[in-house]
C-alpha atoms as a PDB file:
ATOM      1  CA  UNK A   1     -89.443 -88.431-234.854  1.00  0.00           C
ATOM      2  CA  UNK A   2     -86.923 -85.884-236.193  1.00  0.00           C
ATOM      3  CA  UNK A   3     -89.438 -83.025-235.750  1.00  0.00           C
ATOM      4  CA  UNK A   4     -89.948 -83.974-232.093  1.00  0.00           C
ATOM      5  CA  UNK A   5     -86.184 -84.010-231.574  1.00  0.00           C
ATOM      6  CA  UNK A   6     -85.874 -80.540-233.141  1.00  0.00           C
ATOM      7  CA  UNK A   7     -88.692 -79.199-230.940  1.00  0.00           C
ATOM      8  CA  UNK A   8     -86.978 -80.618-227.861  1.00  0.00           C
ATOM      9  CA  UNK A   9     -83.648 -79.041-228.837  1.00  0.00           C
ATOM     10  CA  UNK A  10     -85.414 -75.733-229.571  1.00  0.00           C
ATOM     11  CA  UNK A  11     -87.197 -75.865-226.197  1.00  0.00           C
ATOM     12  CA  UNK A  12     -83.963 -76.599-224.310  1.00  0.00           C
ATOM     13  CA  UNK A  13     -82.057 -73.863-226.156  1.00  0.00           C
ATOM     14  CA  UNK A  14     -84.846 -71.367-225.453  1.00  0.00           C
ATOM     15  CA  UNK A  15     -84.938 -72.322-221.774  1.00  0.00           C
ATOM     16  CA  UNK A  16     -81.164 -71.934-221.474  1.00  0.00           C
ATOM     17  CA  UNK A  17     -81.295 -68.536-223.199  1.00  0.00           C
ATOM     18  CA  UNK A  18     -84.087 -67.305-220.912  1.00  0.00           C
ATOM     19  CA  UNK A  19     -82.167 -68.545-217.867  1.00  0.00           C
ATOM     20  CA  UNK A  20     -79.016 -66.714-219.014  1.00  0.00           C
ATOM     21  CA  UNK A  21     -80.951 -63.483-219.562  1.00  0.00           C
ATOM     22  CA  UNK A  22     -82.520 -63.634-216.098  1.00  0.00           C
ATOM     23  CA  UNK A  23     -79.187 -64.491-214.489  1.00  0.00           C
ATOM     24  CA  UNK A  24     -77.502 -61.524-216.190  1.00  0.00           C
ATOM     25  CA  UNK A  25     -80.319 -59.202-215.126  1.00  0.00           C
ATOM     26  CA  UNK A  26     -80.035 -60.369-211.533  1.00  0.00           C
ATOM     27  CA  UNK A  27     -76.351 -59.372-211.221  1.00  0.00           C
ATOM     28  CA  UNK A  28     -75.991 -56.662-208.658  1.00  0.00           C
ATOM     29  CA  UNK A  29     -74.516 -53.357-209.735  1.00  0.00           C
ATOM     30  CA  UNK A  30     -71.459 -52.202-207.781  1.00  0.00           C
ATOM     31  CA  UNK A  31     -73.210 -48.936-206.858  1.00  0.00           C
ATOM     32  CA  UNK A  32     -76.209 -48.955-204.559  1.00  0.00           C
ATOM     33  CA  UNK A  33     -78.719 -46.496-203.178  1.00  0.00           C
ATOM     34  CA  UNK A  34     -78.213 -42.961-201.942  1.00  0.00           C
ATOM     35  CA  UNK A  35     -77.082 -42.828-198.311  1.00  0.00           C
ATOM     36  CA  UNK A  36     -76.178 -40.059-195.893  1.00  0.00           C
ATOM     37  CA  UNK A  37     -73.330 -41.907-194.253  1.00  0.00           C
ATOM     38  CA  UNK A  38     -71.558 -45.088-195.262  1.00  0.00           C
ATOM     39  CA  UNK A  39     -68.100 -46.485-194.915  1.00  0.00           C
ATOM     40  CA  UNK A  40     -67.649 -46.859-198.674  1.00  0.00           C
ATOM     41  CA  UNK A  41     -69.346 -44.333-200.970  1.00  0.00           C
ATOM     42  CA  UNK A  42     -69.165 -43.004-204.512  1.00  0.00           C
ATOM     43  CA  UNK A  43     -69.618 -39.248-204.598  1.00  0.00           C
ATOM     44  CA  UNK A  44     -71.911 -38.947-207.568  1.00  0.00           C
ATOM     45  CA  UNK A  45     -72.548 -35.566-209.188  1.00  0.00           C
ATOM     46  CA  UNK A  46     -76.280 -35.729-209.990  1.00  0.00           C
ATOM     47  CA  UNK A  47     -79.414 -33.642-209.978  1.00  0.00           C
ATOM     48  CA  UNK A  48     -81.331 -34.868-206.913  1.00  0.00           C
ATOM     49  CA  UNK A  49     -85.013 -35.684-207.348  1.00  0.00           C
ATOM     50  CA  UNK A  50     -87.109 -32.545-207.016  1.00  0.00           C
ATOM     51  CA  UNK A  51     -84.107 -30.237-207.375  1.00  0.00           C
ATOM     52  CA  UNK A  52     -82.969 -28.073-210.264  1.00  0.00           C
ATOM     53  CA  UNK A  53     -79.224 -27.935-209.647  1.00  0.00           C
ATOM     54  CA  UNK A  54     -76.546 -30.577-209.553  1.00  0.00           C
ATOM     55  CA  UNK A  55     -75.400 -31.826-206.184  1.00  0.00           C
ATOM     56  CA  UNK A  56     -73.040 -34.453-204.826  1.00  0.00           C
ATOM     57  CA  UNK A  57     -74.948 -37.539-203.743  1.00  0.00           C
ATOM     58  CA  UNK A  58     -73.347 -40.267-201.685  1.00  0.00           C
ATOM     59  CA  UNK A  59     -74.086 -43.693-203.173  1.00  0.00           C
ATOM     60  CA  UNK A  60     -73.127 -46.804-201.266  1.00  0.00           C
ATOM     61  CA  UNK A  61     -70.575 -48.964-203.100  1.00  0.00           C
ATOM     62  CA  UNK A  62     -71.718 -52.561-202.811  1.00  0.00           C
ATOM     63  CA  UNK A  63     -68.768 -54.121-204.643  1.00  0.00           C
ATOM     64  CA  UNK A  64     -65.446 -52.269-204.519  1.00  0.00           C
ATOM     65  CA  UNK A  65     -63.665 -54.579-206.969  1.00  0.00           C
ATOM     66  CA  UNK A  66     -66.642 -54.427-209.339  1.00  0.00           C
ATOM     67  CA  UNK A  67     -66.671 -50.629-209.086  1.00  0.00           C
ATOM     68  CA  UNK A  68     -62.981 -50.447-210.034  1.00  0.00           C
ATOM     69  CA  UNK A  69     -63.468 -52.980-212.840  1.00  0.00           C
ATOM     70  CA  UNK A  70     -66.329 -50.958-214.358  1.00  0.00           C
ATOM     71  CA  UNK A  71     -64.588 -47.587-213.978  1.00  0.00           C
ATOM     72  CA  UNK A  72     -63.877 -46.186-217.429  1.00  0.00           C
ATOM     73  CA  UNK A  73     -62.015 -43.216-215.945  1.00  0.00           C
ATOM     74  CA  UNK A  74     -59.437 -42.941-213.138  1.00  0.00           C
ATOM     75  CA  UNK A  75     -60.725 -43.284-209.579  1.00  0.00           C
ATOM     76  CA  UNK A  76     -59.687 -40.867-206.817  1.00  0.00           C
ATOM     77  CA  UNK A  77     -59.998 -42.496-203.407  1.00  0.00           C
ATOM     78  CA  UNK A  78     -60.016 -40.712-200.071  1.00  0.00           C
ATOM     79  CA  UNK A  79     -59.137 -43.076-197.237  1.00  0.00           C
ATOM     80  CA  UNK A  80     -60.251 -41.284-194.121  1.00  0.00           C
ATOM     81  CA  UNK A  81     -61.660 -41.573-190.629  1.00  0.00           C
ATOM     82  CA  UNK A  82     -64.257 -39.513-188.829  1.00  0.00           C
ATOM     83  CA  UNK A  83     -61.930 -39.214-185.847  1.00  0.00           C
ATOM     84  CA  UNK A  84     -59.086 -37.479-187.691  1.00  0.00           C
ATOM     85  CA  UNK A  85     -59.096 -33.675-187.497  1.00  0.00           C
ATOM     86  CA  UNK A  86     -58.420 -33.320-191.234  1.00  0.00           C
ATOM     87  CA  UNK A  87     -61.392 -35.507-192.248  1.00  0.00           C
ATOM     88  CA  UNK A  88     -63.945 -32.695-192.850  1.00  0.00           C
ATOM     89  CA  UNK A  89     -61.485 -30.695-194.959  1.00  0.00           C
ATOM     90  CA  UNK A  90     -60.442 -33.759-197.003  1.00  0.00           C
ATOM     91  CA  UNK A  91     -64.069 -34.831-197.526  1.00  0.00           C
ATOM     92  CA  UNK A  92     -65.057 -31.328-198.667  1.00  0.00           C
ATOM     93  CA  UNK A  93     -62.130 -31.297-201.120  1.00  0.00           C
ATOM     94  CA  UNK A  94     -63.210 -34.681-202.486  1.00  0.00           C
ATOM     95  CA  UNK A  95     -66.772 -33.410-202.991  1.00  0.00           C
ATOM     96  CA  UNK A  96     -65.460 -30.371-204.882  1.00  0.00           C
ATOM     97  CA  UNK A  97     -63.243 -32.565-207.066  1.00  0.00           C
ATOM     98  CA  UNK A  98     -66.136 -34.971-207.742  1.00  0.00           C
ATOM     99  CA  UNK A  99     -68.030 -32.028-209.193  1.00  0.00           C
ATOM    100  CA  UNK A 100     -65.077 -30.504-211.072  1.00  0.00           C
ATOM    101  CA  UNK A 101     -63.851 -33.799-212.545  1.00  0.00           C
ATOM    102  CA  UNK A 102     -67.291 -35.194-213.387  1.00  0.00           C
ATOM    103  CA  UNK A 103     -66.886 -37.490-216.389  1.00  0.00           C
ATOM    104  CA  UNK A 104     -63.073 -37.441-216.103  1.00  0.00           C
ATOM    105  CA  UNK A 105     -62.623 -39.161-212.732  1.00  0.00           C
ATOM    106  CA  UNK A 106     -64.751 -40.948-210.146  1.00  0.00           C
ATOM    107  CA  UNK A 107     -64.374 -40.003-206.497  1.00  0.00           C
ATOM    108  CA  UNK A 108     -64.948 -42.374-203.610  1.00  0.00           C
ATOM    109  CA  UNK A 109     -64.545 -42.122-199.862  1.00  0.00           C
ATOM    110  CA  UNK A 110     -63.504 -45.074-197.711  1.00  0.00           C
ATOM    111  CA  UNK A 111     -63.750 -45.280-193.936  1.00  0.00           C
ATOM    112  CA  UNK A 112     -60.432 -46.931-192.987  1.00  0.00           C
ATOM    113  CA  UNK A 113     -61.757 -48.545-189.803  1.00  0.00           C
ATOM    114  CA  UNK A 114     -64.527 -50.332-191.708  1.00  0.00           C
ATOM    115  CA  UNK A 115     -62.436 -51.268-194.757  1.00  0.00           C
ATOM    116  CA  UNK A 116     -58.831 -51.882-193.656  1.00  0.00           C
ATOM    117  CA  UNK A 117     -58.208 -54.006-196.771  1.00  0.00           C
ATOM    118  CA  UNK A 118     -58.984 -51.047-199.029  1.00  0.00           C
ATOM    119  CA  UNK A 119     -56.822 -48.786-196.855  1.00  0.00           C
ATOM    120  CA  UNK A 120     -53.985 -51.287-197.300  1.00  0.00           C
ATOM    121  CA  UNK A 121     -54.628 -51.435-201.075  1.00  0.00           C
ATOM    122  CA  UNK A 122     -54.289 -47.609-201.168  1.00  0.00           C
ATOM    123  CA  UNK A 123     -51.051 -47.793-199.173  1.00  0.00           C
ATOM    124  CA  UNK A 124     -52.555 -45.478-196.569  1.00  0.00           C
ATOM    125  CA  UNK A 125     -50.003 -44.652-193.925  1.00  0.00           C
ATOM    126  CA  UNK A 126     -51.609 -41.987-191.802  1.00  0.00           C
ATOM    127  CA  UNK A 127     -55.068 -40.587-192.425  1.00  0.00           C
ATOM    128  CA  UNK A 128     -56.340 -38.936-194.488  1.00  0.00           C
ATOM    129  CA  UNK A 129     -54.787 -40.454-197.584  1.00  0.00           C
ATOM    130  CA  UNK A 130     -55.623 -39.852-201.235  1.00  0.00           C
ATOM    131  CA  UNK A 131     -54.921 -42.433-203.923  1.00  0.00           C
ATOM    132  CA  UNK A 132     -55.522 -42.701-207.651  1.00  0.00           C
ATOM    133  CA  UNK A 133     -56.462 -45.986-209.292  1.00  0.00           C
ATOM    134  CA  UNK A 134     -56.295 -46.571-213.033  1.00  0.00           C
ATOM    135  CA  UNK A 135     -57.762 -49.722-214.592  1.00  0.00           C
ATOM    136  CA  UNK A 136     -57.967 -51.364-211.177  1.00  0.00           C
ATOM    137  CA  UNK A 137     -54.322 -50.766-210.231  1.00  0.00           C
ATOM    138  CA  UNK A 138     -52.988 -48.303-207.679  1.00  0.00           C
ATOM    139  CA  UNK A 139     -51.266 -45.512-209.589  1.00  0.00           C
ATOM    140  CA  UNK A 140     -50.337 -42.957-206.943  1.00  0.00           C
ATOM    141  CA  UNK A 141     -50.889 -42.331-203.248  1.00  0.00           C
ATOM    142  CA  UNK A 142     -50.169 -39.623-200.738  1.00  0.00           C
ATOM    143  CA  UNK A 143     -49.582 -42.309-198.105  1.00  0.00           C
ATOM    144  CA  UNK A 144     -51.052 -39.951-195.522  1.00  0.00           C
ATOM    145  CA  UNK A 145     -51.286 -36.222-195.100  1.00  0.00           C
ATOM    146  CA  UNK A 146     -50.308 -33.859-192.340  1.00  0.00           C
ATOM    147  CA  UNK A 147     -52.245 -31.122-194.178  1.00  0.00           C
ATOM    148  CA  UNK A 148     -54.740 -31.269-197.029  1.00  0.00           C
ATOM    149  CA  UNK A 149     -53.235 -29.756-200.171  1.00  0.00           C
ATOM    150  CA  UNK A 150     -55.594 -29.177-203.076  1.00  0.00           C
ATOM    151  CA  UNK A 151     -52.647 -28.548-205.396  1.00  0.00           C
ATOM    152  CA  UNK A 152     -51.117 -31.947-204.565  1.00  0.00           C
ATOM    153  CA  UNK A 153     -54.377 -33.812-205.236  1.00  0.00           C
ATOM    154  CA  UNK A 154     -55.039 -31.890-208.475  1.00  0.00           C
ATOM    155  CA  UNK A 155     -51.485 -32.772-209.601  1.00  0.00           C
ATOM    156  CA  UNK A 156     -52.201 -36.450-208.876  1.00  0.00           C
ATOM    157  CA  UNK A 157     -55.357 -36.230-210.995  1.00  0.00           C
ATOM    158  CA  UNK A 158     -53.529 -34.405-213.794  1.00  0.00           C
ATOM    159  CA  UNK A 159     -51.119 -37.325-213.914  1.00  0.00           C
ATOM    160  CA  UNK A 160     -53.947 -39.778-214.713  1.00  0.00           C
ATOM    161  CA  UNK A 161     -56.655 -37.784-216.531  1.00  0.00           C
END
């Protein structure tokens, strides 16, 4: 009778353990597949498949809060819009910084029209706006730019890296 009870307890404990393992494996990562255009992307410095040199790949962010929670380095956010004249210049600067600060900061781009809550979190006044986030909390923001200044953004990063 006691042996049967122990087998039952062992079976239940094993089933619970297996269920926990499968549940943990099923959790979605905050970063998704490579995309050409998306409203919320991580600019990931990687070597693309079939290439020999590093490039900046855009990876869709599936969970913004999860991304910030998992970030072990400061996050530089560009809040932008395709309709603003400074958008191409700001996006190019962010790509360059993603490469230069690889391993020291993570760079993401947010389309303000699609993610107004993130734009509000970054205290974006006018667009484009750069912000730094450390351990999930807003550290610094430009609030909006009338001109893209590499020196200003590098100074913001120096303050957190």
